[in-house]
C-alpha atoms as a PDB file:
ATOM      1  CA  MET A   1      -3.932  -1.154  88.202  1.00  0.00           C
ATOM      2  CA  SER A   2      -3.439  -4.843  87.801  1.00  0.00           C
ATOM      3  CA  ILE A   3      -1.613  -6.391  84.905  1.00  0.00           C
ATOM      4  CA  THR A   4      -4.808  -8.123  83.811  1.00  0.00           C
ATOM      5  CA  LEU A   5      -6.732  -4.864  83.463  1.00  0.00           C
ATOM      6  CA  THR A   6      -3.817  -3.257  81.639  1.00  0.00           C
ATOM      7  CA  THR A   7      -3.687  -6.169  79.194  1.00  0.00           C
ATOM      8  CA  VAL A   8      -7.435  -6.003  78.615  1.00  0.00           C
ATOM      9  CA  ILE A   9      -7.239  -2.263  77.905  1.00  0.00           C
ATOM     10  CA  LEU A  10      -4.352  -2.747  75.480  1.00  0.00           C
ATOM     11  CA  PHE A  11      -5.977  -5.511  73.456  1.00  0.00           C
ATOM     12  CA  ALA A  12      -9.456  -3.972  73.573  1.00  0.00           C
ATOM     13  CA  VAL A  13      -8.275  -0.650  72.147  1.00  0.00           C
ATOM     14  CA  PHE A  14      -6.129  -2.467  69.573  1.00  0.00           C
ATOM     15  CA  GLY A  15      -9.048  -4.687  68.521  1.00  0.00           C
ATOM     16  CA  VAL A  16     -11.483  -1.787  68.226  1.00  0.00           C
ATOM     17  CA  LEU A  17      -9.059   0.201  66.093  1.00  0.00           C
ATOM     18  CA  LEU A  18      -8.442  -2.770  63.809  1.00  0.00           C
ATOM     19  CA  PHE A  19     -12.199  -3.328  63.524  1.00  0.00           C
ATOM     20  CA  LEU A  20     -12.606   0.322  62.486  1.00  0.00           C
ATOM     21  CA  GLY A  21     -10.084  -0.169  59.684  1.00  0.00           C
ATOM     22  CA  VAL A  22      -7.196   1.813  61.125  1.00  0.00           C
ATOM     23  CA  PRO A  23      -3.785   0.628  59.829  1.00  0.00           C
ATOM     24  CA  ILE A  24      -1.935  -1.794  62.108  1.00  0.00           C
ATOM     25  CA  SER A  25       1.021   0.501  62.793  1.00  0.00           C
ATOM     26  CA  ILE A  26      -1.230   3.346  63.906  1.00  0.00           C
ATOM     27  CA  SER A  27      -3.349   0.930  65.962  1.00  0.00           C
ATOM     28  CA  ILE A  28      -0.266  -0.283  67.830  1.00  0.00           C
ATOM     29  CA  VAL A  29       0.880   3.261  68.601  1.00  0.00           C
ATOM     30  CA  VAL A  30      -2.543   4.524  69.689  1.00  0.00           C
ATOM     31  CA  SER A  31      -3.317   1.475  71.841  1.00  0.00           C
ATOM     32  CA  SER A  32       0.094   1.767  73.531  1.00  0.00           C
ATOM     33  CA  ILE A  33      -0.443   5.459  74.252  1.00  0.00           C
ATOM     34  CA  VAL A  34      -3.964   4.900  75.610  1.00  0.00           C
ATOM     35  CA  THR A  35      -2.770   2.068  77.842  1.00  0.00           C
ATOM     36  CA  ALA A  36       0.205   4.076  79.119  1.00  0.00           C
ATOM     37  CA  MET A  37      -1.967   7.119  79.844  1.00  0.00           C
ATOM     38  CA  SER A  38      -4.482   5.033  81.763  1.00  0.00           C
ATOM     39  CA  THR A  39      -1.959   3.145  83.902  1.00  0.00           C
ATOM     40  CA  LEU A  40       1.117   5.370  84.388  1.00  0.00           C
ATOM     41  CA  SER A  41       1.781   8.925  85.491  1.00  0.00           C
ATOM     42  CA  TRP A  42       3.060  11.501  83.020  1.00  0.00           C
ATOM     43  CA  ASP A  43       6.537  11.485  84.613  1.00  0.00           C
ATOM     44  CA  GLN A  44       6.813   7.724  84.230  1.00  0.00           C
ATOM     45  CA  ILE A  45       5.676   7.854  80.610  1.00  0.00           C
ATOM     46  CA  THR A  46       8.225  10.508  79.647  1.00  0.00           C
ATOM     47  CA  PHE A  47      11.044   8.731  81.505  1.00  0.00           C
ATOM     48  CA  ILE A  48      10.325   5.375  79.845  1.00  0.00           C
ATOM     49  CA  THR A  49       9.965   6.997  76.413  1.00  0.00           C
ATOM     50  CA  MET A  50      13.258   8.870  76.681  1.00  0.00           C
ATOM     51  CA  GLN A  51      15.021   5.763  77.993  1.00  0.00           C
ATOM     52  CA  LYS A  52      13.793   3.657  75.050  1.00  0.00           C
ATOM     53  CA  MET A  53      14.729   6.367  72.536  1.00  0.00           C
ATOM     54  CA  ASN A  54      18.219   6.601  74.006  1.00  0.00           C
ATOM     55  CA  SER A  55      18.758   2.843  73.914  1.00  0.00           C
ATOM     56  CA  GLY A  56      17.561   2.751  70.307  1.00  0.00           C
ATOM     57  CA  VAL A  57      20.118   5.335  69.232  1.00  0.00           C
ATOM     58  CA  GLU A  58      22.940   3.424  70.948  1.00  0.00           C
ATOM     59  CA  SER A  59      22.270   0.211  69.004  1.00  0.00           C
ATOM     60  CA  PHE A  60      25.179  -0.309  66.602  1.00  0.00           C
ATOM     61  CA  SER A  61      23.373  -2.945  64.556  1.00  0.00           C
ATOM     62  CA  LEU A  62      20.486  -0.567  63.862  1.00  0.00           C
ATOM     63  CA  LEU A  63      22.931   2.215  63.058  1.00  0.00           C
ATOM     64  CA  ALA A  64      24.697   0.004  60.500  1.00  0.00           C
ATOM     65  CA  VAL A  65      21.642  -0.218  58.219  1.00  0.00           C
ATOM     66  CA  PRO A  66      21.361   3.484  57.241  1.00  0.00           C
ATOM     67  CA  LEU A  67      25.151   3.767  57.011  1.00  0.00           C
ATOM     68  CA  PHE A  68      25.255   0.757  54.681  1.00  0.00           C
ATOM     69  CA  ILE A  69      22.602   2.389  52.476  1.00  0.00           C
ATOM     70  CA  LEU A  70      24.602   5.640  52.520  1.00  0.00           C
ATOM     71  CA  ALA A  71      27.745   3.778  51.459  1.00  0.00           C
ATOM     72  CA  GLY A  72      25.800   2.142  48.614  1.00  0.00           C
ATOM     73  CA  ASN A  73      24.515   5.502  47.412  1.00  0.00           C
ATOM     74  CA  ILE A  74      28.002   7.006  47.510  1.00  0.00           C
ATOM     75  CA  MET A  75      29.400   4.042  45.558  1.00  0.00           C
ATOM     76  CA  ASN A  76      26.580   4.302  43.028  1.00  0.00           C
ATOM     77  CA  ASN A  77      27.045   8.036  42.488  1.00  0.00           C
ATOM     78  CA  GLY A  78      30.813   7.656  42.235  1.00  0.00           C
ATOM     79  CA  GLY A  79      30.550   4.960  39.593  1.00  0.00           C
ATOM     80  CA  ILE A  80      32.430   2.282  41.509  1.00  0.00           C
ATOM     81  CA  ALA A  81      29.320   0.143  41.922  1.00  0.00           C
ATOM     82  CA  LYS A  82      28.989  -0.325  38.152  1.00  0.00           C
ATOM     83  CA  ARG A  83      32.683  -1.219  37.886  1.00  0.00           C
ATOM     84  CA  LEU A  84      32.354  -3.752  40.727  1.00  0.00           C
ATOM     85  CA  VAL A  85      29.372  -5.406  39.056  1.00  0.00           C
ATOM     86  CA  ASN A  86      31.213  -5.535  35.726  1.00  0.00           C
ATOM     87  CA  PHE A  87      34.236  -7.067  37.452  1.00  0.00           C
ATOM     88  CA  ALA A  88      32.051  -9.700  39.157  1.00  0.00           C
ATOM     89  CA  GLN A  89      30.456 -10.646  35.826  1.00  0.00           C
END
């Protein structure tokens, strides 16, 4: 398939889903899946999906966010967060 037809499929499915009132996040996922299924083989889809999932896990900046939240929760439960705020005031 050509890139033009692939683009038309992607935006057409996305537009129809938005017109039907489907939330944007679900519309993006469904339109991506429909476009991938219509243009790629199943082996290519699974390979690309696994490759993207693996690269997402290896991102240190994305890993820092949940660890920062965990550290905040530990500090809050331990009581040090309240003492730090009192010290800053």
